[in-house]
Protein backbone atom coordinates (compact mmCIF):
# COMPACT_ATOMS: atom_id res chain seq x y z
CA UNK A 1 -3.91 -14.62 23.57
CA UNK A 2 -0.20 -14.48 22.84
CA UNK A 3 1.25 -11.55 24.72
CA UNK A 4 4.76 -12.56 23.68
CA UNK A 5 4.10 -10.70 20.43
CA UNK A 6 6.16 -7.52 19.99
CA UNK A 7 4.13 -4.35 20.68
CA UNK A 8 4.48 -0.73 19.56
CA UNK A 9 6.28 1.51 22.04
CA UNK A 10 3.74 4.37 21.91
CA UNK A 11 0.63 5.64 20.14
CA UNK A 12 2.61 8.05 17.94
CA UNK A 13 4.96 5.19 17.02
CA UNK A 14 1.88 3.08 16.19
CA UNK A 15 0.39 5.74 13.93
CA UNK A 16 3.68 6.57 12.17
CA UNK A 17 4.40 2.89 11.57
CA UNK A 18 0.91 2.21 10.20
CA UNK A 19 1.05 5.30 8.00
CA UNK A 20 4.46 4.08 6.84
CA UNK A 21 2.83 0.77 5.88
CA UNK A 22 -0.06 2.50 4.12
CA UNK A 23 1.82 5.35 2.45
CA UNK A 24 4.15 4.29 -0.30
CA UNK A 25 4.06 3.58 -3.99
CA UNK A 26 0.32 3.04 -3.71
CA UNK A 27 0.01 6.80 -3.21
CA UNK A 28 2.66 8.05 -5.62
CA UNK A 29 3.36 5.34 -8.20
CA UNK A 30 -0.10 3.73 -8.29
CA UNK A 31 -2.57 6.50 -7.46
CA UNK A 32 -1.69 9.00 -10.25
CA UNK A 33 -1.58 6.36 -12.99
CA UNK A 34 -4.81 4.74 -11.76
CA UNK A 35 -6.49 8.15 -11.68
CA UNK A 36 -5.18 8.98 -15.15
CA UNK A 37 -6.21 5.61 -16.60
CA UNK A 38 -9.56 5.06 -14.88
CA UNK A 39 -11.65 8.20 -14.99
CA UNK A 40 -9.58 11.17 -13.83
CA UNK A 41 -11.20 13.29 -11.14
CA UNK A 42 -14.33 11.08 -11.16
CA UNK A 43 -12.05 8.24 -10.05
CA UNK A 44 -10.71 10.52 -7.30
CA UNK A 45 -14.21 11.28 -5.99
CA UNK A 46 -15.28 7.62 -5.98
CA UNK A 47 -11.99 6.63 -4.32
CA UNK A 48 -12.62 9.11 -1.47
CA UNK A 49 -16.19 7.83 -0.97
CA UNK A 50 -15.06 4.20 -0.95
CA UNK A 51 -12.28 5.00 1.53
CA UNK A 52 -14.63 6.68 4.01
CA UNK A 53 -17.54 4.22 3.72
CA UNK A 54 -15.67 0.96 3.33
CA UNK A 55 -11.89 1.19 3.78
CA UNK A 56 -12.08 2.81 7.25
CA UNK A 57 -14.53 0.21 8.67
CA UNK A 58 -12.58 -2.59 6.97
CA UNK A 59 -9.34 -1.32 8.48
CA UNK A 60 -10.91 -1.27 11.96
CA UNK A 61 -12.02 -4.86 11.43
CA UNK A 62 -8.64 -6.10 10.19
CA UNK A 63 -6.71 -4.42 13.01
CA UNK A 64 -9.19 -5.74 15.57
CA UNK A 65 -8.89 -9.21 14.02
CA UNK A 66 -5.11 -9.11 14.43
CA UNK A 67 -5.34 -7.69 17.94
CA UNK A 68 -7.85 -10.35 18.97
CA UNK A 69 -5.81 -13.31 17.70
CA UNK A 70 -2.28 -11.93 18.33
CA UNK A 71 -0.93 -13.85 15.35
CA UNK A 72 -0.44 -13.59 11.62
CA UNK A 73 -2.89 -14.32 8.83
CA UNK A 74 -2.69 -18.08 9.32
CA UNK A 75 -3.47 -17.95 13.05
CA UNK A 76 -6.30 -15.44 12.61
CA UNK A 77 -8.08 -17.29 9.81
CA UNK A 78 -7.77 -20.68 11.52
CA UNK A 79 -9.31 -19.11 14.65
CA UNK A 80 -12.24 -17.65 12.71
CA UNK A 81 -12.92 -20.24 9.99
CA UNK A 82 -11.59 -23.45 11.52
CA UNK A 83 -8.45 -25.39 10.68
CA UNK A 84 -9.30 -26.53 7.14
CA UNK A 85 -10.94 -23.47 5.59
CA UNK A 86 -8.80 -21.12 7.65
CA UNK A 87 -5.66 -22.64 6.16
CA UNK A 88 -7.07 -22.52 2.62
CA UNK A 89 -8.01 -18.83 2.89
CA UNK A 90 -4.76 -17.87 4.63
CA UNK A 91 -2.50 -19.69 2.16
CA UNK A 92 -4.37 -18.09 -0.74
CA UNK A 93 -3.94 -14.59 0.65
CA UNK A 94 -0.29 -15.14 1.62
CA UNK A 95 0.39 -16.43 -1.88
CA UNK A 96 -1.06 -13.16 -3.17
CA UNK A 97 1.30 -11.17 -0.92
CA UNK A 98 4.21 -13.32 -2.08
CA UNK A 99 3.49 -12.52 -5.73
CA UNK A 100 2.67 -8.86 -5.04
CA UNK A 101 5.91 -8.51 -3.09
CA UNK A 102 7.88 -9.83 -6.05
CA UNK A 103 6.68 -7.27 -8.61
CA UNK A 104 6.40 -4.50 -6.03
CA UNK A 105 10.09 -5.01 -5.18
CA UNK A 106 10.93 -4.37 -8.84
CA UNK A 107 9.01 -1.09 -8.84
CA UNK A 108 10.59 0.05 -5.56
CA UNK A 109 14.03 -0.87 -6.91
CA UNK A 110 13.30 1.14 -10.06
CA UNK A 111 12.36 4.13 -7.89
CA UNK A 112 15.55 3.84 -5.83
CA UNK A 113 17.63 3.48 -9.01
CA UNK A 114 15.90 6.55 -10.47
CA UNK A 115 16.58 8.52 -7.29
CA UNK A 116 20.25 7.54 -7.41
CA UNK A 117 20.49 8.47 -11.08
CA UNK A 118 18.93 11.86 -10.38
CA UNK A 119 21.34 12.57 -7.51
CA UNK A 120 24.53 11.56 -9.31
CA UNK A 121 23.74 12.38 -12.95
CA UNK A 122 20.59 14.56 -13.03
CA UNK A 123 17.94 14.34 -15.75
CA UNK A 124 19.40 16.61 -18.37
CA UNK A 125 17.90 16.09 -21.83
CA UNK A 126 21.12 14.52 -23.09
CA UNK A 127 21.06 12.00 -20.20
CA UNK A 128 17.53 10.68 -20.72
CA UNK A 129 18.44 8.05 -23.33
CA UNK A 130 21.18 6.70 -21.05
CA UNK A 131 18.76 6.61 -18.10
CA UNK A 132 16.10 4.79 -20.14
CA UNK A 133 18.70 2.29 -21.34
CA UNK A 134 19.86 1.52 -17.80
CA UNK A 135 16.29 1.35 -16.47
CA UNK A 136 15.40 -1.05 -19.26
CA UNK A 137 18.36 -3.31 -18.49
CA UNK A 138 16.53 -6.15 -16.73
CA UNK A 139 19.63 -7.78 -15.31
CA UNK A 140 20.96 -4.52 -13.86
CA UNK A 141 17.59 -3.81 -12.26
CA UNK A 142 17.51 -7.38 -10.98
CA UNK A 143 20.75 -6.77 -9.07
CA UNK A 144 19.30 -3.55 -7.59
CA UNK A 145 16.14 -5.47 -6.64
CA UNK A 146 18.14 -8.17 -4.84
CA UNK A 147 20.05 -5.53 -2.85
CA UNK A 148 16.74 -3.89 -1.93
CA UNK A 149 15.17 -7.18 -0.80
CA UNK A 150 18.22 -7.93 1.34
CA UNK A 151 17.99 -4.46 2.95
CA UNK A 152 14.30 -4.79 3.82
CA UNK A 153 14.85 -8.23 5.31
CA UNK A 154 17.71 -6.84 7.42
CA UNK A 155 15.32 -4.24 8.88
CA UNK A 156 12.85 -7.04 9.67
CA UNK A 157 15.64 -9.03 11.28
CA UNK A 158 16.26 -6.03 13.58
CA UNK A 159 12.69 -6.38 14.88
CA UNK A 160 9.62 -4.18 15.27
CA UNK A 161 10.99 -1.47 17.57
CA UNK A 162 14.65 -1.25 16.49
CA UNK A 163 13.91 -1.84 12.83
CA UNK A 164 10.47 -1.01 11.42
CA UNK A 165 9.46 1.64 14.01
CA UNK A 166 12.86 3.37 13.80
CA UNK A 167 12.78 3.64 10.00
CA UNK A 168 9.13 4.81 10.05
CA UNK A 169 9.89 7.68 12.45
CA UNK A 170 12.42 9.03 9.94
CA UNK A 171 10.83 8.23 6.58
CA UNK A 172 7.24 9.43 7.16
CA UNK A 173 8.03 12.97 8.43
CA UNK A 174 10.73 13.35 5.74
CA UNK A 175 8.21 12.47 3.03
CA UNK A 176 5.64 14.92 4.42
CA UNK A 177 8.05 17.87 4.63
CA UNK A 178 9.45 17.19 1.16
CA UNK A 179 6.09 16.84 -0.57
CA UNK A 180 4.71 20.04 1.03
CA UNK A 181 7.69 22.00 -0.27
CA UNK A 182 7.27 20.52 -3.76
CA UNK A 183 3.55 21.39 -3.86
CA UNK A 184 4.30 25.00 -3.02
CA UNK A 185 6.81 25.11 -5.86
CA UNK A 186 4.55 23.27 -8.33
CA UNK A 187 1.49 25.47 -7.85
CA UNK A 188 3.64 28.52 -8.55
CA UNK A 189 4.40 27.27 -12.09
CA UNK A 190 2.66 29.28 -14.83
CA UNK A 191 -0.69 27.68 -15.69
CA UNK A 192 -0.48 24.99 -13.00
CA UNK A 193 -3.61 26.02 -11.06
CA UNK A 194 -5.65 26.41 -14.26
CA UNK A 195 -4.62 22.98 -15.51
CA UNK A 196 -5.44 21.43 -12.14
CA UNK A 197 -8.89 23.06 -12.01
CA UNK A 198 -9.68 21.73 -15.49
CA UNK A 199 -8.56 18.23 -14.57
CA UNK A 200 -10.69 18.26 -11.40
CA UNK A 201 -13.99 18.58 -13.31
CA UNK A 202 -15.40 15.05 -12.97
CA UNK A 203 -17.37 13.15 -15.61
CA UNK A 204 -19.31 10.62 -13.55
CA UNK A 205 -21.34 9.47 -16.58
CA UNK A 206 -18.18 7.93 -18.05
CA UNK A 207 -17.56 5.64 -15.05
CA UNK A 208 -17.68 1.89 -15.85
CA UNK A 209 -17.63 -1.23 -13.62
CA UNK A 210 -13.90 -1.51 -14.33
CA UNK A 211 -13.31 2.04 -13.10
CA UNK A 212 -15.44 1.48 -9.99
CA UNK A 213 -13.49 -1.69 -9.24
CA UNK A 214 -10.22 0.15 -9.81
CA UNK A 215 -11.27 2.92 -7.38
CA UNK A 216 -12.35 0.41 -4.73
CA UNK A 217 -9.17 -1.57 -5.25
CA UNK A 218 -7.08 1.57 -4.93
CA UNK A 219 -8.74 2.59 -1.67
CA UNK A 220 -7.99 -0.83 -0.20
CA UNK A 221 -4.53 -1.23 -1.74
CA UNK A 222 -3.51 2.24 -0.60
CA UNK A 223 -4.16 1.62 3.11
CA UNK A 224 -2.80 -1.93 2.99
CA UNK A 225 -6.05 -3.89 3.33
CA UNK A 226 -6.36 -7.50 2.24
CA UNK A 227 -6.47 -9.69 5.33
CA UNK A 228 -2.68 -9.62 5.58
CA UNK A 229 -0.76 -6.34 6.13
CA UNK A 230 -2.99 -4.58 8.62
CA UNK A 231 -4.04 -7.80 10.29
CA UNK A 232 -0.40 -8.60 11.14
CA UNK A 233 0.43 -5.03 12.13
CA UNK A 234 -2.79 -4.87 14.15
CA UNK A 235 -1.50 -7.75 16.27
CA UNK A 236 1.20 -5.38 17.61
CA UNK A 237 -1.35 -2.90 19.01
CA UNK A 238 -1.55 -2.67 22.80
CA UNK A 239 -4.72 -3.90 24.52
CA UNK A 240 -5.73 -0.42 25.72
CA UNK A 241 -5.09 1.44 22.44
CA UNK A 242 -8.11 3.02 20.72
CA UNK A 243 -8.45 1.35 17.32
CA UNK A 244 -10.92 3.88 15.78
CA UNK A 245 -8.56 6.78 16.53
CA UNK A 246 -5.58 4.87 15.12
CA UNK A 247 -7.55 3.88 12.01
CA UNK A 248 -8.85 7.38 11.31
CA UNK A 249 -5.34 8.80 11.73
CA UNK A 250 -3.92 6.13 9.42
CA UNK A 251 -6.58 6.48 6.71
CA UNK A 252 -6.57 10.26 6.65
CA UNK A 253 -2.77 10.24 6.68
CA UNK A 254 -2.91 7.95 3.68
CA UNK A 255 -5.56 10.04 1.88
CA UNK A 256 -3.51 13.16 2.57
CA UNK A 257 -0.42 11.49 1.10
CA UNK A 258 -2.32 10.55 -2.08
CA UNK A 259 -3.79 14.04 -2.47
CA UNK A 260 -0.49 15.76 -1.68
CA UNK A 261 1.38 13.58 -4.16
CA UNK A 262 -1.29 14.34 -6.77
CA UNK A 263 -1.09 18.08 -6.05
CA UNK A 264 2.58 17.84 -6.97
CA UNK A 265 2.42 15.36 -9.86
CA UNK A 266 -0.82 16.17 -11.70
CA UNK A 267 -0.27 19.91 -12.29
CA UNK A 268 3.35 19.44 -13.32
CA UNK A 269 2.54 16.58 -15.71
CA UNK A 270 -0.27 18.62 -17.29
CA UNK A 271 1.73 21.86 -17.47
CA UNK A 272 4.51 20.14 -19.38
CA UNK A 273 2.10 18.28 -21.67
CA UNK A 274 2.93 14.75 -20.52
CA UNK A 275 0.58 11.75 -20.46
CA UNK A 276 -1.40 11.04 -17.27
CA UNK A 277 -2.75 7.77 -18.71
CA UNK A 278 0.59 6.10 -19.43
CA UNK A 279 -0.08 3.28 -16.95
CA UNK A 280 2.30 1.69 -14.42
CA UNK A 281 5.29 3.30 -16.13
CA UNK A 282 3.93 6.82 -15.47
CA UNK A 283 6.56 8.00 -13.01
CA UNK A 284 9.42 6.39 -14.94
CA UNK A 285 8.27 7.58 -18.36
CA UNK A 286 7.24 11.09 -17.39
CA UNK A 287 9.13 12.24 -14.29
CA UNK A 288 12.63 12.21 -15.85
CA UNK A 289 11.29 14.30 -18.75
CA UNK A 290 9.53 16.52 -16.25
CA UNK A 291 12.61 17.13 -14.11
CA UNK A 292 14.74 17.73 -17.21
CA UNK A 293 12.44 20.63 -18.18
CA UNK A 294 11.72 22.12 -14.73
CA UNK A 295 13.75 24.94 -13.23
CA UNK A 296 15.85 23.43 -10.39
CA UNK A 297 14.79 20.04 -11.74
CA UNK A 298 17.89 18.26 -10.38
CA UNK A 299 17.21 19.37 -6.80
CA UNK A 300 13.43 18.90 -6.95
CA UNK A 301 13.70 15.51 -8.62
CA UNK A 302 16.32 14.25 -6.21
CA UNK A 303 14.34 15.34 -3.14
CA UNK A 304 11.07 13.89 -4.38
CA UNK A 305 12.53 10.56 -5.49
CA UNK A 306 14.52 10.17 -2.25
CA UNK A 307 11.39 10.80 -0.15
CA UNK A 308 9.42 8.39 -2.34
CA UNK A 309 12.14 5.75 -2.00
CA UNK A 310 11.96 6.01 1.79
CA UNK A 311 8.21 5.39 2.09
CA UNK A 312 8.27 2.77 -0.69
CA UNK A 313 10.95 0.92 1.26
CA UNK A 314 8.61 0.82 4.28
CA UNK A 315 5.74 -0.60 2.21
CA UNK A 316 7.92 -3.39 0.83
CA UNK A 317 9.22 -4.10 4.33
CA UNK A 318 5.59 -4.45 5.46
CA UNK A 319 4.91 -7.04 2.75
CA UNK A 320 7.79 -9.23 3.86
CA UNK A 321 6.96 -8.72 7.55
CA UNK A 322 3.46 -10.04 6.80
CA UNK A 323 4.86 -13.19 5.23
CA UNK A 324 7.39 -13.85 7.99
CA UNK A 325 5.04 -12.86 10.84
CA UNK A 326 2.32 -15.14 9.49
CA UNK A 327 4.33 -18.34 9.15
CA UNK A 328 7.35 -18.28 11.47
CA UNK A 329 5.71 -19.48 14.71
CA UNK A 330 2.82 -21.35 13.13
CA UNK A 331 4.51 -23.33 10.34
CA UNK A 332 8.15 -23.32 11.37
CA UNK A 333 8.23 -23.10 15.19
CA UNK A 334 11.53 -25.00 15.44
CA UNK A 335 13.34 -23.09 12.69
CA UNK A 336 15.25 -19.93 13.57
CA UNK A 337 13.67 -16.71 12.32
CA UNK A 338 16.93 -15.81 10.55
CA UNK A 339 16.69 -18.97 8.43
CA UNK A 340 13.10 -18.18 7.49
CA UNK A 341 14.27 -14.71 6.40
CA UNK A 342 17.00 -16.25 4.23
CA UNK A 343 14.46 -18.64 2.73
CA UNK A 344 12.16 -15.74 1.84
CA UNK A 345 15.09 -13.94 0.20
CA UNK A 346 15.79 -16.96 -2.02
CA UNK A 347 12.09 -17.33 -2.92
CA UNK A 348 11.72 -13.64 -3.79
CA UNK A 349 14.97 -13.73 -5.78
CA UNK A 350 13.34 -16.36 -8.01
CA UNK A 351 9.88 -14.78 -8.25
CA UNK A 352 11.07 -11.25 -8.96
CA UNK A 353 13.10 -12.19 -12.03
CA UNK A 354 10.19 -12.34 -14.55
CA UNK A 355 8.98 -8.84 -13.60
CA UNK A 356 12.52 -7.50 -14.03
CA UNK A 357 12.97 -9.05 -17.45
CA UNK A 358 9.38 -8.46 -18.66
CA UNK A 359 8.09 -5.24 -17.00
CA UNK A 360 4.83 -5.41 -18.96
CA UNK A 361 3.77 -8.16 -16.53
CA UNK A 362 3.61 -5.68 -13.66
CA UNK A 363 0.40 -3.92 -14.73
CA UNK A 364 -1.44 -7.24 -15.12
CA UNK A 365 -0.16 -8.66 -11.84
CA UNK A 366 -0.98 -5.42 -10.04
CA UNK A 367 -4.64 -5.41 -11.07
CA UNK A 368 -5.06 -9.07 -10.06
CA UNK A 369 -2.96 -9.21 -6.89
CA UNK A 370 -2.98 -5.52 -5.93
CA UNK A 371 -6.67 -4.77 -6.44
CA UNK A 372 -8.43 -8.13 -6.75
CA UNK A 373 -6.74 -10.03 -3.93
CA UNK A 374 -6.84 -6.97 -1.68
CA UNK A 375 -10.61 -6.60 -1.98
CA UNK A 376 -11.22 -10.35 -1.69
CA UNK A 377 -8.87 -10.78 1.27
CA UNK A 378 -10.32 -7.88 3.18
CA UNK A 379 -13.85 -9.21 2.67
CA UNK A 380 -12.72 -12.56 4.09
CA UNK A 381 -11.08 -10.86 7.08
CA UNK A 382 -14.26 -8.89 7.82
CA UNK A 383 -16.33 -12.07 7.63
CA UNK A 384 -13.76 -13.75 9.85
CA UNK A 385 -14.07 -11.31 12.71
CA UNK A 386 -17.75 -10.32 12.37
CA UNK A 387 -19.05 -13.86 11.83
CA UNK A 388 -16.24 -16.04 13.15
CA UNK A 389 -15.49 -14.22 16.41
CA UNK A 390 -18.97 -12.77 16.93
CA UNK A 391 -20.49 -9.44 17.89
CA UNK A 392 -19.26 -9.08 21.47
CA UNK A 393 -15.61 -9.87 20.76
CA UNK A 394 -15.58 -7.78 17.57
CA UNK A 395 -16.93 -4.67 19.28
CA UNK A 396 -14.77 -5.12 22.37
CA UNK A 397 -11.64 -5.34 20.24
CA UNK A 398 -12.60 -2.24 18.25
CA UNK A 399 -14.08 0.00 20.95
CA UNK A 400 -12.81 -1.50 24.18
CA UNK A 401 -15.15 -1.93 27.13
CA UNK A 402 -17.44 0.98 26.25
CA UNK A 403 -21.12 0.60 27.06
CA UNK A 404 -23.47 -0.65 24.35
CA UNK A 405 -24.72 2.12 22.07
CA UNK A 406 -26.62 2.58 18.83
CA UNK A 407 -23.38 3.56 17.06
CA UNK A 408 -21.62 0.37 18.17
CA UNK A 409 -24.54 -1.74 16.96
CA UNK A 410 -24.68 0.13 13.65
CA UNK A 411 -20.92 -0.35 13.17
CA UNK A 412 -21.24 -4.09 13.67
CA UNK A 413 -24.18 -4.40 11.25
CA UNK A 414 -22.30 -2.30 8.67
CA UNK A 415 -19.25 -4.56 9.01
CA UNK A 416 -21.17 -7.81 9.07
CA UNK A 417 -23.51 -7.19 6.16
CA UNK A 418 -22.91 -4.06 4.09
CA UNK A 419 -19.14 -3.90 3.63
CA UNK A 420 -18.63 -7.57 2.57
CA UNK A 421 -21.68 -7.41 0.28
CA UNK A 422 -20.43 -4.27 -1.48
CA UNK A 423 -16.93 -5.70 -1.85
CA UNK A 424 -18.16 -8.94 -3.38
CA UNK A 425 -20.64 -7.11 -5.66
CA UNK A 426 -18.01 -4.73 -7.04
CA UNK A 427 -15.57 -7.60 -7.50
CA UNK A 428 -18.23 -9.70 -9.26
CA UNK A 429 -19.25 -6.74 -11.45
CA UNK A 430 -15.67 -6.31 -12.58
CA UNK A 431 -15.24 -10.01 -13.36
CA UNK A 432 -18.54 -10.14 -15.28
CA UNK A 433 -17.58 -7.02 -17.27
CA UNK A 434 -14.50 -8.84 -18.56
CA UNK A 435 -16.54 -11.63 -20.17
């Protein structure tokens, strides 16, 4: 076991950092548009069930997998599946993160640009056409995206404790305080509570395989599952830290962020008659109109978008940390980490250009690499630890040296058989439904 890996400084730093990885655009950009497009409140209910039954156990497995191998995705999968298949699985998943990072960077850059526009110009009705024109300028947004990528890589260059931990300790509490204040304001709007109550009446009969897959994908995407993010960040957990407590705190922090963001966004969007099902462009198509109509819209919009930018920045940083942490020592042991960071910048600069110039690609890429690869990668990671490392090592990494118990045995059986089976079945059902 490689104890030269950087480790978190404390349990609170661990939890804040992992929540910072989990909470981001998945909760605010992705969650509302997925809920609006794939079943409304029925989607919400299924998402919560999937998170509790499958995402929490999967997150325990991925963190334990990282903690057990003390390496990135490549090291972990080679340990569990052997050199040949381990490399194949790891390269496939890292390729998915590479592509996801490219379009995700565009969305984060758009959010940061929107926050800056709100602060310096505000979303007055007469400004909306100018904002839409600038947002639709692919080359301008490409420049913003490059500056963002460079900033995230600088934080990674600073290291775990001075970079990622430090930013997480500021961004996560700031997001929480801001969103709580906005919810209080939103629910005081005339008709907001009535509109929310109407929206929260689920129609489970209308759920399709696509919607079930979308809900499962959202639960995994939202907490950063996929055999990559949480596996790498799990390798920074101290040997004596309690993984179940960390996982429960992370998952419920993530669920709370999704619900809190929805308590702000859904009522306001419905009150002002905007479209919940407008897809990946939801926050960019509707929020400027929303803030232009709301009392104190300049202040509310600027606060919300700044808080969103902060947590989105952390999520993008996590994606690049996964890529660098998975290949630097294993593939390029003789190359300086700074050169690997520069190489990733160049690669992302190339890959992010199509999503900047053709934003319609983002929705397609997100369903494939955000939902599909996340579910598939997490299933592989669970098989890797439960089958590759075995029962004793899996349970010791998750629970420590506790005595054998019925709950420990049940947890292992659930991880080894039920969770992977459900993931593959839902994924297969979605694929079949498309033919």
